[in-house]
Amino acid sequence: MYTLSIRGATLPTSSLVGLFTLFNDTRVRETDTAQIVLAGAPDGVFVTRYNGVLALRQPGSASDILTSMLEEHRRAAFVENGTAQRQSWQVERAAWNALFDFTDICRRPQLLLSSDQIEAEEAAARERGTQFFLSAICSEALRSTYGFAVCGPDIPGMRQTSSRHEVQVAYALALGLPVPDRVLAAYREDRDGFGHGLEWAATLAVLPELRGAMPVAKLRPILGVMRGDGKTVDANNADILTMLARLLPDEPTYPQVDDLLHTHGLIGDLPLPEMFTRPVDIGEPVTPLAARVRDLVATSIRERDIERADSELKAGNISRRAHRQRCDVARLQHVRHGYDHGNRLARALANRDVGTLLETLDRADEHNRASKQAFREILGVKLTGVRAAQRRRAIFGMCGYNEEQQAEWERDATQRKAERDAQRVLEDAREIAGRARYVVSGHGELSGAEHVDRAISDGYSRIQSYRRGAAHVYALVRGSEAEARRLSAQDGTLAYARAVLEQRAA
């Protein structure tokens, strides 16, 4: 037994391997090395620091040191009654984690070996025609001492290995192996000890009735569905869950488990979202067209959502109760659908706001089909199954535009779009150029955008490029003057200068 003493605390460890766990204690890390006292260690073993990190020093070769430390840790925590080595799930979590944390420590040999020891190991490796890696020596010593490598032993009941203690314990519990209470105590105290993907094991840690009762492939979805529904799994329902598990296929899906548990009353119907408990004002239609748009759009959404739910149920992606909930929501959404969209289109028609109508109606047949159908039913205007030009002409015609007026509106719209695009390009270019920094004589440091603005306001209004080797160099020039203001394609000032000058020219 060793103790690490600092002012106000004495921390015990049963092995030198476990000493590195104590080094992670904030109190120890913040204590001056001279005030850290290691008791119980043989002569020549002492605590030091390497580049500010606590380290351990002891005499011997790397192989001897690692073999000795690993064997000592095995005797202290991995041996039952001084003879047989414990199984992974019989070892306490702290001791297990200390072992595998130590394998990580061996990736930094300076924390275990002095510079002289490392030089000796490297020289010996060169004589053998190899290289010195402390982590490789650790891996060999670990396998010879414990019988498994750094990837850990086989997971109970599986053909895979794992160095994670929680994985070893979880699958041991699932097989019904007698995991000691002293091992489970750490997981009962730490609710997140089993981590993501092993939540089912937390139930086994406190509920012996389910240990070994069913394979993990069934246990995981059963406990997942119960947990997702807010239901407690305890001794009162463990037997019924075990019985129902026998009715499931070997690798059931969550929807299959959901259906089975619901059928037998362990989980109830899914509640409707809270929004459906509150009334909603759907408004009033301003015209019959608005009313018909609302009815057809609401119906199309309802049918689409129900069709999707049917498809998901058929594919086995959702349970029957989830399917019912989705269909109920779709039907309720239908009656709660408002008149906003229909009123917007009706008002646009009344105000000859052809731009708003084009946004909704001038689309391919599969888009906004319900709205187009309402216009067909109320106004007799066909907007599907026709060519794009015919559809667009029909929309303008509803607003009273003849072909000449339509052409004029479209020319204006094209100009407006070009102006908006140019303004957006200018703003984007200014934002990028604003990140650059230029030092200008008499003005100090300016952003790239300010540098360009100042140059153009001073009359430097023409961009000129020069060859400098294989590269192009750009600058703003004024008339025939030799002086110029430099630009860069990389920092965005060139693009910004072009955008400003193009806008001025327009």
Protein backbone atom coordinates (compact mmCIF):
# COMPACT_ATOMS: atom_id res chain seq x y z
CA MET A 1 0.00 0.00 0.00
CA TYR A 2 1.25 3.45 -0.90
CA THR A 3 0.14 6.88 0.26
CA LEU A 4 0.57 10.20 -1.47
CA SER A 5 0.54 13.00 1.07
CA ILE A 6 -0.03 16.67 0.39
CA ARG A 7 -0.95 19.46 2.75
CA GLY A 8 -4.36 18.62 4.23
CA ALA A 9 -4.83 15.22 2.55
CA THR A 10 -3.41 11.72 2.40
CA LEU A 11 -4.43 9.69 -0.64
CA PRO A 12 -3.96 5.88 -0.70
CA THR A 13 -3.28 3.56 -3.64
CA SER A 14 -2.61 -0.16 -3.70
CA SER A 15 -0.18 0.01 -6.64
CA LEU A 16 2.20 2.33 -8.44
CA VAL A 17 -0.06 2.06 -11.49
CA GLY A 18 -2.84 3.61 -9.42
CA LEU A 19 -0.50 6.43 -8.47
CA PHE A 20 -1.11 8.07 -11.83
CA THR A 21 -4.82 8.28 -11.04
CA LEU A 22 -3.90 10.27 -7.93
CA PHE A 23 -1.75 12.55 -10.09
CA ASN A 24 -4.97 13.64 -11.84
CA ASP A 25 -6.39 14.98 -8.57
CA THR A 26 -6.50 18.77 -8.84
CA ARG A 27 -5.15 19.17 -5.31
CA VAL A 28 -2.13 17.04 -6.14
CA ARG A 29 -1.47 18.73 -9.49
CA GLU A 30 -1.50 22.15 -7.86
CA THR A 31 0.89 21.12 -5.05
CA ASP A 32 4.57 21.95 -5.36
CA THR A 33 6.59 18.80 -6.13
CA ALA A 34 8.77 19.23 -3.02
CA GLN A 35 5.65 19.10 -0.83
CA ILE A 36 4.36 15.81 -2.30
CA VAL A 37 5.40 12.84 -0.15
CA LEU A 38 5.21 9.26 -1.46
CA ALA A 39 5.26 6.73 1.37
CA GLY A 40 5.58 2.95 1.14
CA ALA A 41 7.67 2.92 -2.03
CA PRO A 42 11.03 1.10 -2.32
CA ASP A 43 14.29 3.02 -2.40
CA GLY A 44 14.87 4.88 -5.63
CA VAL A 45 11.17 5.35 -6.39
CA PHE A 46 10.09 9.00 -6.22
CA VAL A 47 7.69 11.57 -7.67
CA THR A 48 8.99 14.34 -9.93
CA ARG A 49 7.78 16.52 -12.75
CA TYR A 50 8.51 16.52 -16.48
CA ASN A 51 7.58 19.74 -18.28
CA GLY A 52 5.24 20.57 -15.41
CA VAL A 53 3.48 17.18 -15.46
CA LEU A 54 3.77 14.82 -12.49
CA ALA A 55 5.93 11.80 -13.29
CA LEU A 56 7.38 8.73 -11.55
CA ARG A 57 11.02 7.65 -11.44
CA GLN A 58 12.50 4.27 -10.42
CA PRO A 59 15.61 2.28 -11.33
CA GLY A 60 15.63 -0.53 -13.89
CA SER A 61 15.02 -1.17 -17.56
CA ALA A 62 11.75 -0.19 -19.23
CA SER A 63 10.69 -3.83 -19.50
CA ASP A 64 11.47 -4.57 -15.85
CA ILE A 65 9.69 -1.42 -14.65
CA LEU A 66 6.51 -2.07 -16.65
CA THR A 67 6.38 -5.78 -15.85
CA SER A 68 6.83 -5.07 -12.15
CA MET A 69 4.19 -2.32 -12.07
CA LEU A 70 1.62 -4.31 -14.05
CA GLU A 71 2.15 -7.45 -11.96
CA GLU A 72 1.83 -5.43 -8.75
CA HIS A 73 -1.46 -3.93 -9.97
CA ARG A 74 -2.71 -7.38 -10.98
CA ARG A 75 -2.01 -8.81 -7.51
CA ALA A 76 -3.66 -5.82 -5.84
CA ALA A 77 -6.90 -5.68 -7.86
CA PHE A 78 -7.17 -8.52 -10.37
CA VAL A 79 -6.45 -11.61 -8.24
CA GLU A 80 -9.04 -13.51 -6.20
CA ASN A 81 -7.76 -15.02 -2.95
CA GLY A 82 -4.18 -14.59 -4.11
CA THR A 83 -4.43 -17.15 -6.92
CA ALA A 84 -6.93 -17.01 -9.80
CA GLN A 85 -7.25 -13.86 -11.88
CA ARG A 86 -10.66 -12.23 -11.72
CA GLN A 87 -12.85 -11.88 -14.76
CA SER A 88 -13.25 -8.38 -16.21
CA TRP A 89 -16.69 -7.99 -14.62
CA GLN A 90 -15.30 -8.97 -11.20
CA VAL A 91 -12.77 -6.13 -11.13
CA GLU A 92 -13.80 -2.81 -9.61
CA ARG A 93 -14.17 0.06 -12.06
CA ALA A 94 -11.51 2.29 -10.48
CA ALA A 95 -8.86 -0.43 -10.65
CA TRP A 96 -9.81 -1.35 -14.21
CA ASN A 97 -9.70 2.24 -15.42
CA ALA A 98 -6.38 2.81 -13.65
CA LEU A 99 -4.88 -0.06 -15.66
CA PHE A 100 -5.99 1.22 -19.04
CA ASP A 101 -5.21 4.84 -18.16
CA PHE A 102 -1.70 3.59 -17.44
CA THR A 103 -1.42 2.15 -20.95
CA ASP A 104 -2.05 5.67 -22.23
CA ILE A 105 0.62 7.02 -19.90
CA CYS A 106 3.10 4.68 -21.63
CA ARG A 107 2.67 6.71 -24.82
CA ARG A 108 4.70 9.39 -23.01
CA PRO A 109 7.85 7.61 -21.80
CA GLN A 110 9.16 10.74 -20.05
CA LEU A 111 6.48 10.26 -17.38
CA LEU A 112 8.04 6.90 -16.40
CA LEU A 113 11.68 7.07 -17.49
CA SER A 114 14.48 9.56 -17.01
CA SER A 115 16.40 10.96 -19.96
CA ASP A 116 19.32 8.60 -19.18
CA GLN A 117 16.97 5.59 -19.12
CA ILE A 118 15.40 6.59 -22.43
CA GLU A 119 18.82 7.07 -24.05
CA ALA A 120 19.88 3.61 -22.84
CA GLU A 121 16.71 2.03 -24.21
CA GLU A 122 17.13 3.76 -27.57
CA ALA A 123 20.78 2.65 -27.79
CA ALA A 124 19.82 -0.95 -27.02
CA ALA A 125 17.07 -0.83 -29.63
CA ARG A 126 19.52 0.43 -32.27
CA GLU A 127 21.84 -2.48 -31.50
CA ARG A 128 18.91 -4.85 -32.11
CA GLY A 129 18.05 -3.03 -35.32
CA THR A 130 14.69 -1.84 -33.94
CA GLN A 131 13.19 1.30 -32.42
CA PHE A 132 12.26 1.98 -28.83
CA PHE A 133 8.53 2.45 -28.13
CA LEU A 134 7.49 2.26 -24.49
CA SER A 135 3.87 1.72 -25.54
CA ALA A 136 4.89 -1.45 -27.44
CA ILE A 137 6.74 -2.79 -24.41
CA CYS A 138 3.66 -2.00 -22.29
CA SER A 139 1.42 -3.89 -24.73
CA GLU A 140 3.64 -6.98 -24.56
CA ALA A 141 3.86 -6.83 -20.77
CA LEU A 142 0.11 -6.36 -20.48
CA ARG A 143 -0.62 -9.42 -22.61
CA SER A 144 1.88 -11.63 -20.77
CA THR A 145 0.68 -10.45 -17.35
CA TYR A 146 -3.09 -10.23 -17.82
CA GLY A 147 -3.74 -12.38 -20.87
CA PHE A 148 -5.24 -9.59 -22.97
CA ALA A 149 -3.94 -6.61 -24.94
CA VAL A 150 -4.67 -2.88 -24.82
CA CYS A 151 -7.95 -3.48 -26.67
CA GLY A 152 -9.17 -5.41 -23.62
CA PRO A 153 -10.50 -8.96 -23.16
CA ASP A 154 -13.43 -10.56 -24.94
CA ILE A 155 -16.81 -9.09 -24.07
CA PRO A 156 -18.84 -11.74 -22.19
CA GLY A 157 -20.90 -13.75 -24.62
CA MET A 158 -19.47 -11.99 -27.69
CA ARG A 159 -16.61 -12.38 -30.13
CA GLN A 160 -15.51 -8.77 -29.78
CA THR A 161 -13.08 -7.20 -27.35
CA SER A 162 -13.36 -3.99 -25.35
CA SER A 163 -11.25 -2.13 -22.83
CA ARG A 164 -14.31 -0.29 -21.49
CA HIS A 165 -15.24 -1.59 -18.06
CA GLU A 166 -18.90 -0.62 -18.44
CA VAL A 167 -19.18 -2.75 -21.59
CA GLN A 168 -17.69 -5.77 -19.83
CA VAL A 169 -20.02 -5.38 -16.84
CA ALA A 170 -23.11 -4.66 -18.96
CA TYR A 171 -22.83 -7.84 -21.01
CA ALA A 172 -21.95 -9.90 -17.96
CA LEU A 173 -25.19 -8.70 -16.35
CA ALA A 174 -27.11 -9.51 -19.52
CA LEU A 175 -25.83 -13.09 -19.34
CA GLY A 176 -26.80 -13.35 -15.68
CA LEU A 177 -23.21 -13.74 -14.50
CA PRO A 178 -22.71 -13.05 -10.75
CA VAL A 179 -21.30 -9.54 -10.90
CA PRO A 180 -20.21 -8.63 -7.34
CA ASP A 181 -22.04 -5.86 -5.50
CA ARG A 182 -18.73 -4.11 -4.87
CA VAL A 183 -18.40 -3.74 -8.67
CA LEU A 184 -22.00 -2.63 -9.20
CA ALA A 185 -21.80 -0.04 -6.41
CA ALA A 186 -19.93 2.40 -8.68
CA TYR A 187 -22.66 2.16 -11.34
CA ARG A 188 -25.52 2.51 -8.89
CA GLU A 189 -23.98 5.72 -7.61
CA ASP A 190 -23.21 7.05 -11.09
CA ARG A 191 -26.45 7.15 -13.12
CA ASP A 192 -24.51 7.91 -16.30
CA GLY A 193 -21.89 5.24 -15.68
CA PHE A 194 -23.04 2.99 -18.50
CA GLY A 195 -23.13 5.79 -21.05
CA HIS A 196 -24.75 6.09 -24.44
CA GLY A 197 -25.89 2.81 -25.95
CA LEU A 198 -25.70 0.94 -22.64
CA GLU A 199 -28.62 2.57 -20.84
CA TRP A 200 -30.30 -0.83 -20.60
CA ALA A 201 -27.50 -2.05 -18.32
CA ALA A 202 -28.37 0.58 -15.69
CA THR A 203 -31.67 -1.24 -15.18
CA LEU A 204 -29.90 -4.60 -14.78
CA ALA A 205 -27.57 -3.10 -12.18
CA VAL A 206 -30.53 -2.48 -9.85
CA LEU A 207 -32.94 -5.20 -11.01
CA PRO A 208 -31.58 -8.75 -10.61
CA GLU A 209 -34.87 -10.21 -11.94
CA LEU A 210 -33.94 -9.21 -15.51
CA ARG A 211 -30.34 -10.43 -15.48
CA GLY A 212 -29.96 -13.30 -17.92
CA ALA A 213 -33.70 -13.20 -18.63
CA MET A 214 -33.42 -12.31 -22.34
CA PRO A 215 -30.75 -11.53 -24.95
CA VAL A 216 -29.52 -7.96 -25.32
CA ALA A 217 -31.10 -7.75 -28.80
CA LYS A 218 -34.51 -7.96 -27.09
CA LEU A 219 -33.62 -6.27 -23.82
CA ARG A 220 -32.38 -3.07 -25.44
CA PRO A 221 -35.58 -2.20 -27.38
CA ILE A 222 -37.89 -3.36 -24.57
CA LEU A 223 -36.22 -1.12 -22.00
CA GLY A 224 -35.85 1.65 -24.59
CA VAL A 225 -39.58 1.70 -25.36
CA MET A 226 -40.52 1.57 -21.68
CA ARG A 227 -38.08 4.37 -20.86
CA GLY A 228 -39.26 6.46 -23.81
CA ASP A 229 -42.84 6.12 -22.60
CA GLY A 230 -41.88 7.15 -19.07
CA LYS A 231 -42.70 3.72 -17.62
CA THR A 232 -40.77 2.23 -14.70
CA VAL A 233 -39.29 -1.23 -15.04
CA ASP A 234 -39.13 -2.98 -11.67
CA ALA A 235 -39.76 -6.27 -9.94
CA ASN A 236 -43.52 -5.84 -10.47
CA ASN A 237 -43.33 -6.06 -14.27
CA ALA A 238 -40.02 -7.88 -14.86
CA ASP A 239 -41.76 -11.24 -15.20
CA ILE A 240 -44.31 -10.03 -17.76
CA LEU A 241 -41.56 -8.35 -19.79
CA THR A 242 -39.56 -11.58 -19.75
CA MET A 243 -42.60 -13.53 -20.93
CA LEU A 244 -43.38 -11.06 -23.71
CA ALA A 245 -39.77 -11.16 -24.88
CA ARG A 246 -40.32 -14.79 -25.88
CA LEU A 247 -42.99 -13.65 -28.34
CA LEU A 248 -40.57 -11.39 -30.20
CA PRO A 249 -38.28 -12.37 -33.07
CA ASP A 250 -34.59 -12.81 -32.30
CA GLU A 251 -33.71 -9.24 -33.29
CA PRO A 252 -36.90 -7.22 -32.97
CA THR A 253 -37.26 -3.65 -34.17
CA TYR A 254 -38.45 -0.89 -31.86
CA PRO A 255 -41.83 -0.68 -33.65
CA GLN A 256 -42.34 -4.43 -33.15
CA VAL A 257 -41.58 -4.09 -29.45
CA ASP A 258 -43.79 -1.00 -29.22
CA ASP A 259 -46.72 -2.90 -30.77
CA LEU A 260 -46.30 -5.87 -28.43
CA LEU A 261 -46.05 -3.79 -25.25
CA HIS A 262 -49.02 -1.67 -26.29
CA THR A 263 -51.15 -4.70 -27.13
CA HIS A 264 -50.53 -6.10 -23.65
CA GLY A 265 -51.21 -2.83 -21.89
CA LEU A 266 -47.74 -1.98 -20.65
CA ILE A 267 -47.73 1.30 -22.58
CA GLY A 268 -50.70 3.46 -23.53
CA ASP A 269 -51.73 5.46 -26.58
CA LEU A 270 -49.44 8.28 -27.57
CA PRO A 271 -50.86 11.63 -26.48
CA LEU A 272 -51.55 14.39 -28.96
CA PRO A 273 -49.15 17.33 -28.97
CA GLU A 274 -50.01 20.00 -26.41
CA MET A 275 -50.84 22.52 -29.14
CA PHE A 276 -54.10 20.67 -29.78
CA THR A 277 -55.33 21.49 -26.28
CA ARG A 278 -55.48 25.18 -27.19
CA PRO A 279 -58.02 26.77 -29.55
CA VAL A 280 -56.79 28.42 -32.73
CA ASP A 281 -58.25 31.26 -34.78
CA ILE A 282 -58.28 30.18 -38.45
CA GLY A 283 -59.76 33.49 -39.58
CA GLU A 284 -62.43 34.12 -42.23
CA PRO A 285 -62.17 33.87 -46.03
CA VAL A 286 -62.29 37.19 -47.86
CA THR A 287 -63.71 35.61 -51.06
CA PRO A 288 -64.99 32.21 -52.22
CA LEU A 289 -61.62 31.74 -53.91
CA ALA A 290 -59.84 32.11 -50.56
CA ALA A 291 -62.19 29.57 -48.99
CA ARG A 292 -61.60 27.04 -51.76
CA VAL A 293 -57.83 27.49 -51.65
CA ARG A 294 -57.88 26.82 -47.93
CA ASP A 295 -60.07 23.70 -48.25
CA LEU A 296 -58.04 22.14 -51.05
CA VAL A 297 -54.65 22.94 -49.50
CA ALA A 298 -55.70 21.64 -46.07
CA THR A 299 -57.09 18.46 -47.63
CA SER A 300 -53.95 17.84 -49.71
CA ILE A 301 -51.74 18.23 -46.61
CA ARG A 302 -53.95 15.85 -44.62
CA GLU A 303 -53.90 13.22 -47.36
CA ARG A 304 -50.15 13.58 -47.84
CA ASP A 305 -49.43 13.15 -44.12
CA ILE A 306 -51.74 10.15 -43.80
CA GLU A 307 -50.21 8.57 -46.89
CA ARG A 308 -46.73 9.03 -45.42
CA ALA A 309 -47.84 7.49 -42.13
CA ASP A 310 -49.35 4.53 -44.00
CA SER A 311 -46.11 4.07 -45.93
CA GLU A 312 -43.99 4.23 -42.76
CA LEU A 313 -46.25 1.69 -41.04
CA LYS A 314 -46.11 -0.66 -44.01
CA ALA A 315 -42.31 -0.41 -44.10
CA GLY A 316 -42.14 -1.25 -40.39
CA ASN A 317 -40.57 2.08 -39.46
CA ILE A 318 -43.25 3.13 -36.98
CA SER A 319 -45.55 1.31 -34.58
CA ARG A 320 -49.32 1.12 -34.88
CA ARG A 321 -49.88 3.59 -32.05
CA ALA A 322 -47.42 6.04 -33.68
CA HIS A 323 -49.34 5.60 -36.94
CA ARG A 324 -52.62 6.37 -35.20
CA GLN A 325 -51.17 9.46 -33.59
CA ARG A 326 -49.85 10.77 -36.92
CA CYS A 327 -53.18 10.21 -38.61
CA ASP A 328 -55.05 11.90 -35.74
CA VAL A 329 -52.70 14.86 -35.92
CA ALA A 330 -53.20 15.11 -39.69
CA ARG A 331 -57.01 15.17 -39.30
CA LEU A 332 -56.88 17.77 -36.52
CA GLN A 333 -54.45 19.92 -38.50
CA HIS A 334 -56.96 19.86 -41.37
CA VAL A 335 -59.69 21.57 -39.35
CA ARG A 336 -57.18 23.99 -37.78
CA HIS A 337 -55.73 25.11 -41.11
CA GLY A 338 -56.13 28.87 -41.47
CA TYR A 339 -57.23 31.11 -44.35
CA ASP A 340 -54.00 33.14 -44.45
CA HIS A 341 -52.66 31.62 -47.66
CA GLY A 342 -56.01 31.71 -49.44
CA ASN A 343 -56.66 35.31 -48.38
CA ARG A 344 -53.19 36.36 -49.54
CA LEU A 345 -53.84 34.97 -53.03
CA ALA A 346 -57.36 36.42 -53.16
CA ARG A 347 -56.13 39.89 -52.18
CA ALA A 348 -53.27 39.65 -54.67
CA LEU A 349 -55.80 38.91 -57.40
CA ALA A 350 -58.02 41.81 -56.33
CA ASN A 351 -55.04 44.20 -56.22
CA ARG A 352 -53.56 42.95 -59.52
CA ASP A 353 -50.45 41.95 -57.57
CA VAL A 354 -49.17 39.64 -60.26
CA GLY A 355 -45.79 39.19 -58.52
CA THR A 356 -47.39 37.48 -55.52
CA LEU A 357 -49.49 35.23 -57.74
CA LEU A 358 -46.47 34.24 -59.82
CA GLU A 359 -44.57 33.14 -56.68
CA THR A 360 -47.26 30.54 -55.93
CA LEU A 361 -48.84 29.69 -59.27
CA ASP A 362 -46.02 29.97 -61.80
CA ARG A 363 -44.47 26.67 -60.78
CA ALA A 364 -44.25 23.17 -62.24
CA ASP A 365 -47.43 21.08 -62.01
CA GLU A 366 -46.32 19.15 -58.91
CA HIS A 367 -45.91 22.37 -56.89
CA ASN A 368 -48.90 24.11 -55.24
CA ARG A 369 -51.31 21.87 -57.14
CA ALA A 370 -54.14 22.47 -54.64
CA SER A 371 -53.95 26.27 -55.03
CA LYS A 372 -53.97 25.95 -58.81
CA GLN A 373 -56.97 23.62 -58.63
CA ALA A 374 -58.90 26.24 -56.62
CA PHE A 375 -58.30 28.85 -59.36
CA ARG A 376 -59.52 26.33 -61.94
CA GLU A 377 -62.71 25.57 -59.97
CA ILE A 378 -63.61 29.19 -59.06
CA LEU A 379 -62.29 31.17 -62.02
CA GLY A 380 -62.05 28.54 -64.74
CA VAL A 381 -58.35 29.28 -65.32
CA LYS A 382 -56.27 26.21 -66.12
CA LEU A 383 -52.78 26.35 -64.59
CA THR A 384 -51.74 22.68 -64.77
CA GLY A 385 -51.17 20.48 -67.79
CA VAL A 386 -50.18 23.47 -69.92
CA ARG A 387 -46.89 24.88 -71.16
CA ALA A 388 -44.98 27.25 -68.89
CA ALA A 389 -45.58 30.21 -71.22
CA GLN A 390 -49.33 29.50 -71.32
CA ARG A 391 -49.48 29.24 -67.55
CA ARG A 392 -47.64 32.53 -67.09
CA ARG A 393 -49.83 34.26 -69.64
CA ALA A 394 -52.97 33.00 -67.84
CA ILE A 395 -51.74 34.46 -64.54
CA PHE A 396 -51.14 37.86 -66.11
CA GLY A 397 -54.50 37.62 -67.83
CA MET A 398 -56.30 37.12 -64.48
CA CYS A 399 -54.83 40.46 -63.36
CA GLY A 400 -55.98 42.24 -66.52
CA TYR A 401 -52.59 42.48 -68.24
CA ASN A 402 -52.51 42.21 -72.02
CA GLU A 403 -49.43 40.79 -73.74
CA GLU A 404 -47.79 44.20 -74.17
CA GLN A 405 -48.33 45.11 -70.52
CA GLN A 406 -47.00 41.70 -69.48
CA ALA A 407 -43.83 42.24 -71.54
CA GLU A 408 -43.30 45.65 -69.93
CA TRP A 409 -43.84 44.24 -66.41
CA GLU A 410 -41.35 41.44 -67.08
CA ARG A 411 -38.74 43.88 -68.38
CA ASP A 412 -39.14 45.94 -65.23
CA ALA A 413 -38.98 42.79 -63.08
CA THR A 414 -35.77 41.71 -64.80
CA GLN A 415 -34.24 45.13 -64.14
CA ARG A 416 -35.34 45.07 -60.50
CA LYS A 417 -33.85 41.61 -60.06
CA ALA A 418 -30.57 42.69 -61.65
CA GLU A 419 -30.40 45.66 -59.27
CA ARG A 420 -31.13 43.45 -56.26
CA ASP A 421 -28.51 40.94 -57.37
CA ALA A 422 -25.94 43.69 -57.90
CA GLN A 423 -26.67 45.14 -54.47
CA ARG A 424 -26.33 41.71 -52.88
CA VAL A 425 -23.03 41.12 -54.69
CA LEU A 426 -21.83 44.53 -53.50
CA GLU A 427 -22.80 43.85 -49.88
CA ASP A 428 -21.21 40.39 -49.89
CA ALA A 429 -18.01 41.75 -51.44
CA ARG A 430 -17.87 44.59 -48.91
CA GLU A 431 -18.27 42.13 -46.02
CA ILE A 432 -15.38 39.99 -47.28
CA ALA A 433 -13.13 42.98 -48.03
CA GLY A 434 -13.94 44.39 -44.61
CA ARG A 435 -11.99 41.56 -42.99
CA ALA A 436 -8.72 42.60 -44.65
CA ARG A 437 -6.44 45.20 -43.09
CA TYR A 438 -4.43 47.92 -44.88
CA VAL A 439 -2.05 50.46 -43.43
CA VAL A 440 -2.50 53.75 -45.33
CA SER A 441 -0.12 56.64 -44.92
CA GLY A 442 -1.83 59.43 -43.01
CA HIS A 443 -4.89 57.32 -42.18
CA GLY A 444 -3.48 54.49 -40.06
CA GLU A 445 -5.04 51.05 -40.33
CA LEU A 446 -8.14 50.70 -42.53
CA SER A 447 -10.28 47.74 -43.45
CA GLY A 448 -10.02 46.50 -47.03
CA ALA A 449 -13.46 47.96 -47.78
CA GLU A 450 -12.48 51.36 -46.36
CA HIS A 451 -9.24 51.25 -48.36
CA VAL A 452 -11.21 50.75 -51.59
CA ASP A 453 -13.85 53.36 -50.73
CA ARG A 454 -11.18 55.98 -49.95
CA ALA A 455 -9.25 55.21 -53.15
CA ILE A 456 -12.34 55.52 -55.37
CA SER A 457 -13.45 58.73 -53.66
CA ASP A 458 -9.96 60.11 -54.35
CA GLY A 459 -10.45 59.46 -58.06
CA TYR A 460 -8.77 56.08 -58.45
CA SER A 461 -11.56 54.70 -60.58
CA ARG A 462 -9.95 52.29 -63.03
CA ILE A 463 -8.71 48.77 -62.29
CA GLN A 464 -5.48 47.84 -63.98
CA SER A 465 -3.60 44.55 -63.89
CA TYR A 466 0.15 43.97 -64.18
CA ARG A 467 2.26 40.88 -64.72
CA ARG A 468 4.70 40.10 -61.94
CA GLY A 469 6.36 36.87 -62.90
CA ALA A 470 3.60 34.28 -63.34
CA ALA A 471 1.17 36.24 -61.17
CA HIS A 472 -1.28 39.05 -61.90
CA VAL A 473 -1.11 42.16 -59.71
CA TYR A 474 -4.14 44.44 -59.54
CA ALA A 475 -4.44 48.10 -58.60
CA LEU A 476 -6.76 51.10 -58.75
CA VAL A 477 -5.22 53.86 -60.89
CA ARG A 478 -6.09 57.52 -61.56
CA GLY A 479 -5.64 58.75 -65.09
CA SER A 480 -2.04 58.31 -66.26
CA GLU A 481 -0.51 58.78 -62.82
CA ALA A 482 2.14 56.31 -61.75
CA GLU A 483 0.76 56.15 -58.22
CA ALA A 484 -1.80 53.38 -57.62
CA ARG A 485 -3.77 51.76 -54.80
CA ARG A 486 -3.16 48.05 -54.62
CA LEU A 487 -5.91 45.42 -54.69
CA SER A 488 -5.92 41.70 -53.96
CA ALA A 489 -8.05 38.87 -55.32
CA GLN A 490 -7.29 36.85 -52.19
CA ASP A 491 -8.57 39.30 -49.57
CA GLY A 492 -11.67 40.41 -51.52
CA THR A 493 -10.67 44.01 -52.27
CA LEU A 494 -10.51 43.34 -56.03
CA ALA A 495 -14.05 41.93 -56.11
CA TYR A 496 -15.33 44.79 -53.96
CA ALA A 497 -13.70 47.43 -56.17
CA ARG A 498 -15.24 45.85 -59.27
CA ALA A 499 -18.70 45.76 -57.63
CA VAL A 500 -18.51 49.44 -56.60
CA LEU A 501 -17.35 50.59 -60.03
CA GLU A 502 -19.97 48.48 -61.82
CA GLN A 503 -22.73 49.96 -59.67
CA ARG A 504 -21.48 53.48 -60.39
CA ALA A 505 -21.37 52.79 -64.11
CA ALA A 506 -24.96 51.48 -64.03
